[in-house]
Amino acid sequence: MKVLNLMAHHVRTCAPEDSLNTAAHIMWVGDFGCVPVVDEDSRVVGMITDRDICMAAYTRGVSLHALSVKSAMAKEVVCCAPEDDILVAEKLMRKNEIRRLPVVDALGKLVGIISIDNIVRQALREHLMGQPRSISDLEVTETLATICTPRITVSVERAAA
């Protein structure tokens, strides 16, 4: 199955110059955890997540209005093409430990977004309907486990009373 068949085609975006408040508003209204950041030609130049926004506000101690998307976005973006097989997208997610991939055309312009959620729901549909499998249960499980593994293990000790 191709990415084109599973991706979201209508994607809300923001610009690097937008405030983090604008990005947070887009996420709140659309119930998104991530928004692609595009330039004036609709080319993907970054990704911003709800966690990026929270951590930027927390570490800088200022209002979301005072911070730009550019100051908090991930500038290295992993993308896929609409013609890619969903196995390609799934492997990119696993390798890079990310939940979502912008889908871009040959010019780098955003045409959609695919998430691990899309892939998991498709695997379940195929399983329940007894259809030929686009992706194995093991591959989905390995990808979810990889993405969900904490990057940093924090030890929390209880203060002595």
C-alpha atoms as a PDB file:
ATOM      1  CA  MET A   1       0.000   0.000   0.000  1.00  0.00           C
ATOM      2  CA  LYS A   2       1.215   3.488  -0.845  1.00  0.00           C
ATOM      3  CA  VAL A   3       1.597   6.401   1.577  1.00  0.00           C
ATOM      4  CA  LEU A   4      -0.807   8.323  -0.675  1.00  0.00           C
ATOM      5  CA  ASN A   5      -3.618   5.958   0.359  1.00  0.00           C
ATOM      6  CA  LEU A   6      -3.187   6.529   4.117  1.00  0.00           C
ATOM      7  CA  MET A   7      -1.868  10.062   4.524  1.00  0.00           C
ATOM      8  CA  ALA A   8      -3.897  13.067   5.589  1.00  0.00           C
ATOM      9  CA  HIS A   9      -4.224  15.264   2.514  1.00  0.00           C
ATOM     10  CA  HIS A  10      -5.368  18.481   4.187  1.00  0.00           C
ATOM     11  CA  VAL A  11      -2.618  19.566   6.547  1.00  0.00           C
ATOM     12  CA  ARG A  12      -2.560  22.685   8.695  1.00  0.00           C
ATOM     13  CA  THR A  13       0.822  24.373   8.689  1.00  0.00           C
ATOM     14  CA  CYS A  14       2.585  27.337  10.195  1.00  0.00           C
ATOM     15  CA  ALA A  15       5.509  29.548   9.182  1.00  0.00           C
ATOM     16  CA  PRO A  16       8.863  29.908  10.951  1.00  0.00           C
ATOM     17  CA  GLU A  17       8.012  33.522  11.817  1.00  0.00           C
ATOM     18  CA  ASP A  18       4.687  32.636  13.472  1.00  0.00           C
ATOM     19  CA  SER A  19       4.528  32.756  17.244  1.00  0.00           C
ATOM     20  CA  LEU A  20       4.420  29.600  19.310  1.00  0.00           C
ATOM     21  CA  ASN A  21       0.985  30.801  20.390  1.00  0.00           C
ATOM     22  CA  THR A  22      -0.183  30.534  16.768  1.00  0.00           C
ATOM     23  CA  ALA A  23       1.220  26.990  16.455  1.00  0.00           C
ATOM     24  CA  ALA A  24      -0.372  25.981  19.763  1.00  0.00           C
ATOM     25  CA  HIS A  25      -3.718  27.378  18.606  1.00  0.00           C
ATOM     26  CA  ILE A  26      -3.531  25.360  15.370  1.00  0.00           C
ATOM     27  CA  MET A  27      -2.803  22.223  17.397  1.00  0.00           C
ATOM     28  CA  TRP A  28      -5.596  22.909  19.876  1.00  0.00           C
ATOM     29  CA  VAL A  29      -8.273  23.593  17.254  1.00  0.00           C
ATOM     30  CA  GLY A  30      -7.269  20.671  15.033  1.00  0.00           C
ATOM     31  CA  ASP A  31      -6.428  18.229  17.854  1.00  0.00           C
ATOM     32  CA  PHE A  32      -2.920  17.772  16.410  1.00  0.00           C
ATOM     33  CA  GLY A  33       0.292  17.008  18.273  1.00  0.00           C
ATOM     34  CA  CYS A  34       2.487  18.311  15.488  1.00  0.00           C
ATOM     35  CA  VAL A  35       2.410  20.922  12.722  1.00  0.00           C
ATOM     36  CA  PRO A  36       4.706  21.074   9.695  1.00  0.00           C
ATOM     37  CA  VAL A  37       6.526  24.378   9.276  1.00  0.00           C
ATOM     38  CA  VAL A  38       6.642  25.561   5.670  1.00  0.00           C
ATOM     39  CA  ASP A  39       8.220  28.430   3.767  1.00  0.00           C
ATOM     40  CA  GLU A  40       6.412  30.758   1.355  1.00  0.00           C
ATOM     41  CA  ASP A  41       6.670  28.082  -1.382  1.00  0.00           C
ATOM     42  CA  SER A  42       5.076  25.359   0.823  1.00  0.00           C
ATOM     43  CA  ARG A  43       8.406  23.542   1.232  1.00  0.00           C
ATOM     44  CA  VAL A  44       8.867  21.861   4.596  1.00  0.00           C
ATOM     45  CA  VAL A  45      11.550  23.637   6.649  1.00  0.00           C
ATOM     46  CA  GLY A  46      10.734  22.210  10.073  1.00  0.00           C
ATOM     47  CA  MET A  47       8.327  20.424  12.377  1.00  0.00           C
ATOM     48  CA  ILE A  48       6.930  21.707  15.658  1.00  0.00           C
ATOM     49  CA  THR A  49       5.328  19.500  18.294  1.00  0.00           C
ATOM     50  CA  ASP A  50       3.266  20.293  21.350  1.00  0.00           C
ATOM     51  CA  ARG A  51       6.223  19.137  23.435  1.00  0.00           C
ATOM     52  CA  ASP A  52       8.571  21.527  21.597  1.00  0.00           C
ATOM     53  CA  ILE A  53       6.224  24.381  22.460  1.00  0.00           C
ATOM     54  CA  CYS A  54       5.936  23.414  26.134  1.00  0.00           C
ATOM     55  CA  MET A  55       9.664  22.963  26.599  1.00  0.00           C
ATOM     56  CA  ALA A  56      10.505  26.240  24.836  1.00  0.00           C
ATOM     57  CA  ALA A  57       8.113  28.168  27.069  1.00  0.00           C
ATOM     58  CA  TYR A  58       9.325  26.375  30.191  1.00  0.00           C
ATOM     59  CA  THR A  59      13.059  26.717  29.556  1.00  0.00           C
ATOM     60  CA  ARG A  60      12.852  30.351  28.458  1.00  0.00           C
ATOM     61  CA  GLY A  61      10.236  31.444  30.964  1.00  0.00           C
ATOM     62  CA  VAL A  62       8.322  33.661  28.556  1.00  0.00           C
ATOM     63  CA  SER A  63       4.917  33.798  26.916  1.00  0.00           C
ATOM     64  CA  LEU A  64       4.202  31.811  23.769  1.00  0.00           C
ATOM     65  CA  HIS A  65       3.496  35.132  22.030  1.00  0.00           C
ATOM     66  CA  ALA A  66       7.134  36.145  22.598  1.00  0.00           C
ATOM     67  CA  LEU A  67       8.678  33.093  20.941  1.00  0.00           C
ATOM     68  CA  SER A  68       8.803  32.223  17.252  1.00  0.00           C
ATOM     69  CA  VAL A  69       8.164  28.801  15.799  1.00  0.00           C
ATOM     70  CA  LYS A  70      11.676  28.948  14.330  1.00  0.00           C
ATOM     71  CA  SER A  71      13.140  29.159  17.843  1.00  0.00           C
ATOM     72  CA  ALA A  72      11.664  25.808  18.893  1.00  0.00           C
ATOM     73  CA  MET A  73      11.065  23.747  15.739  1.00  0.00           C
ATOM     74  CA  ALA A  74      13.056  20.729  14.650  1.00  0.00           C
ATOM     75  CA  LYS A  75      15.036  21.881  11.638  1.00  0.00           C
ATOM     76  CA  GLU A  76      16.108  18.435  10.460  1.00  0.00           C
ATOM     77  CA  VAL A  77      12.990  16.879   8.988  1.00  0.00           C
ATOM     78  CA  VAL A  78      12.594  13.336   7.730  1.00  0.00           C
ATOM     79  CA  CYS A  79      10.068  13.131   4.891  1.00  0.00           C
ATOM     80  CA  CYS A  80       8.632  10.556   2.535  1.00  0.00           C
ATOM     81  CA  ALA A  81       6.954  10.677  -0.868  1.00  0.00           C
ATOM     82  CA  PRO A  82       3.316   9.890  -1.674  1.00  0.00           C
ATOM     83  CA  GLU A  83       4.446   7.012  -3.925  1.00  0.00           C
ATOM     84  CA  ASP A  84       6.484   5.356  -1.154  1.00  0.00           C
ATOM     85  CA  ASP A  85       5.207   2.087   0.261  1.00  0.00           C
ATOM     86  CA  ILE A  86       3.945   2.356   3.842  1.00  0.00           C
ATOM     87  CA  LEU A  87       6.773   0.006   4.835  1.00  0.00           C
ATOM     88  CA  VAL A  88       9.213   2.755   3.799  1.00  0.00           C
ATOM     89  CA  ALA A  89       7.365   5.281   5.984  1.00  0.00           C
ATOM     90  CA  GLU A  90       7.205   2.855   8.908  1.00  0.00           C
ATOM     91  CA  LYS A  91      10.939   2.117   8.683  1.00  0.00           C
ATOM     92  CA  LEU A  92      11.751   5.845   8.581  1.00  0.00           C
ATOM     93  CA  MET A  93       9.633   6.358  11.704  1.00  0.00           C
ATOM     94  CA  ARG A  94      11.352   3.492  13.497  1.00  0.00           C
ATOM     95  CA  LYS A  95      14.881   4.527  12.476  1.00  0.00           C
ATOM     96  CA  ASN A  96      14.339   8.164  13.454  1.00  0.00           C
ATOM     97  CA  GLU A  97      12.068   7.480  16.464  1.00  0.00           C
ATOM     98  CA  ILE A  98       9.324   9.776  15.197  1.00  0.00           C
ATOM     99  CA  ARG A  99       5.544   9.442  15.022  1.00  0.00           C
ATOM    100  CA  ARG A 100       4.795  11.546  11.947  1.00  0.00           C
ATOM    101  CA  LEU A 101       6.297  12.155   8.531  1.00  0.00           C
ATOM    102  CA  PRO A 102       5.550  15.039   6.210  1.00  0.00           C
ATOM    103  CA  VAL A 103       4.794  13.771   2.724  1.00  0.00           C
ATOM    104  CA  VAL A 104       6.430  15.893   0.039  1.00  0.00           C
ATOM    105  CA  ASP A 105       6.497  15.981  -3.744  1.00  0.00           C
ATOM    106  CA  ALA A 106       9.649  15.992  -5.894  1.00  0.00           C
ATOM    107  CA  LEU A 107      10.111  19.729  -5.238  1.00  0.00           C
ATOM    108  CA  GLY A 108       9.902  19.300  -1.460  1.00  0.00           C
ATOM    109  CA  LYS A 109       6.416  20.819  -1.256  1.00  0.00           C
ATOM    110  CA  LEU A 110       4.097  19.482   1.404  1.00  0.00           C
ATOM    111  CA  VAL A 111       1.287  17.317   0.028  1.00  0.00           C
ATOM    112  CA  GLY A 112       0.248  15.465   3.195  1.00  0.00           C
ATOM    113  CA  ILE A 113       1.293  13.889   6.460  1.00  0.00           C
ATOM    114  CA  ILE A 114       1.342  10.277   7.612  1.00  0.00           C
ATOM    115  CA  SER A 115       1.502   9.145  11.204  1.00  0.00           C
ATOM    116  CA  ILE A 116       2.133   5.898  13.004  1.00  0.00           C
ATOM    117  CA  ASP A 117      -1.569   6.107  13.931  1.00  0.00           C
ATOM    118  CA  ASN A 118      -2.504   5.802  10.240  1.00  0.00           C
ATOM    119  CA  ILE A 119      -0.305   2.738   9.849  1.00  0.00           C
ATOM    120  CA  VAL A 120      -1.523   1.029  13.036  1.00  0.00           C
ATOM    121  CA  ARG A 121      -5.189   1.563  12.101  1.00  0.00           C
ATOM    122  CA  GLN A 122      -4.534   0.155   8.610  1.00  0.00           C
ATOM    123  CA  ALA A 123      -2.816  -2.914  10.063  1.00  0.00           C
ATOM    124  CA  LEU A 124      -5.819  -3.467  12.349  1.00  0.00           C
ATOM    125  CA  ARG A 125      -8.304  -3.069   9.454  1.00  0.00           C
ATOM    126  CA  GLU A 126      -6.382  -5.596   7.379  1.00  0.00           C
ATOM    127  CA  HIS A 127      -6.189  -8.006  10.323  1.00  0.00           C
ATOM    128  CA  LEU A 128      -9.907  -7.762  11.147  1.00  0.00           C
ATOM    129  CA  MET A 129     -10.997  -8.084   7.533  1.00  0.00           C
ATOM    130  CA  GLY A 130      -8.617 -10.949   6.753  1.00  0.00           C
ATOM    131  CA  GLN A 131      -6.977  -8.931   3.977  1.00  0.00           C
ATOM    132  CA  PRO A 132      -3.429  -9.420   2.709  1.00  0.00           C
ATOM    133  CA  ARG A 133      -1.122  -7.582   5.066  1.00  0.00           C
ATOM    134  CA  SER A 134       0.631  -4.365   4.008  1.00  0.00           C
ATOM    135  CA  ILE A 135       2.679  -4.482   7.195  1.00  0.00           C
ATOM    136  CA  SER A 136       3.170  -7.229   9.762  1.00  0.00           C
ATOM    137  CA  ASP A 137       2.054  -7.071  13.373  1.00  0.00           C
ATOM    138  CA  LEU A 138       5.672  -7.547  14.411  1.00  0.00           C
ATOM    139  CA  GLU A 139       6.822  -4.557  12.341  1.00  0.00           C
ATOM    140  CA  VAL A 140       4.105  -2.350  13.815  1.00  0.00           C
ATOM    141  CA  THR A 141       4.933  -3.531  17.341  1.00  0.00           C
ATOM    142  CA  GLU A 142       8.677  -2.976  16.875  1.00  0.00           C
ATOM    143  CA  THR A 143       8.093   0.517  15.509  1.00  0.00           C
ATOM    144  CA  LEU A 144       5.751   1.483  18.347  1.00  0.00           C
ATOM    145  CA  ALA A 145       8.178   0.097  20.928  1.00  0.00           C
ATOM    146  CA  THR A 146      11.076   2.025  19.379  1.00  0.00           C
ATOM    147  CA  ILE A 147       9.162   5.290  19.134  1.00  0.00           C
ATOM    148  CA  CYS A 148       7.815   4.985  22.684  1.00  0.00           C
ATOM    149  CA  THR A 149      11.139   4.152  24.350  1.00  0.00           C
ATOM    150  CA  PRO A 150      12.273   7.105  26.482  1.00  0.00           C
ATOM    151  CA  ARG A 151      15.480   8.673  25.201  1.00  0.00           C
ATOM    152  CA  ILE A 152      16.563   9.679  28.683  1.00  0.00           C
ATOM    153  CA  THR A 153      16.058   7.604  31.794  1.00  0.00           C
ATOM    154  CA  VAL A 154      15.602   9.803  34.837  1.00  0.00           C
ATOM    155  CA  SER A 155      16.051   8.424  38.304  1.00  0.00           C
ATOM    156  CA  VAL A 156      13.735   9.986  40.840  1.00  0.00           C
ATOM    157  CA  GLU A 157      14.733   9.559  44.455  1.00  0.00           C
ATOM    158  CA  ARG A 158      12.536  10.287  47.396  1.00  0.00           C
ATOM    159  CA  ALA A 159      13.751  12.948  49.776  1.00  0.00           C
ATOM    160  CA  ALA A 160      14.529  11.600  53.239  1.00  0.00           C
ATOM    161  CA  ALA A 161      11.929  12.696  55.771  1.00  0.00           C
END
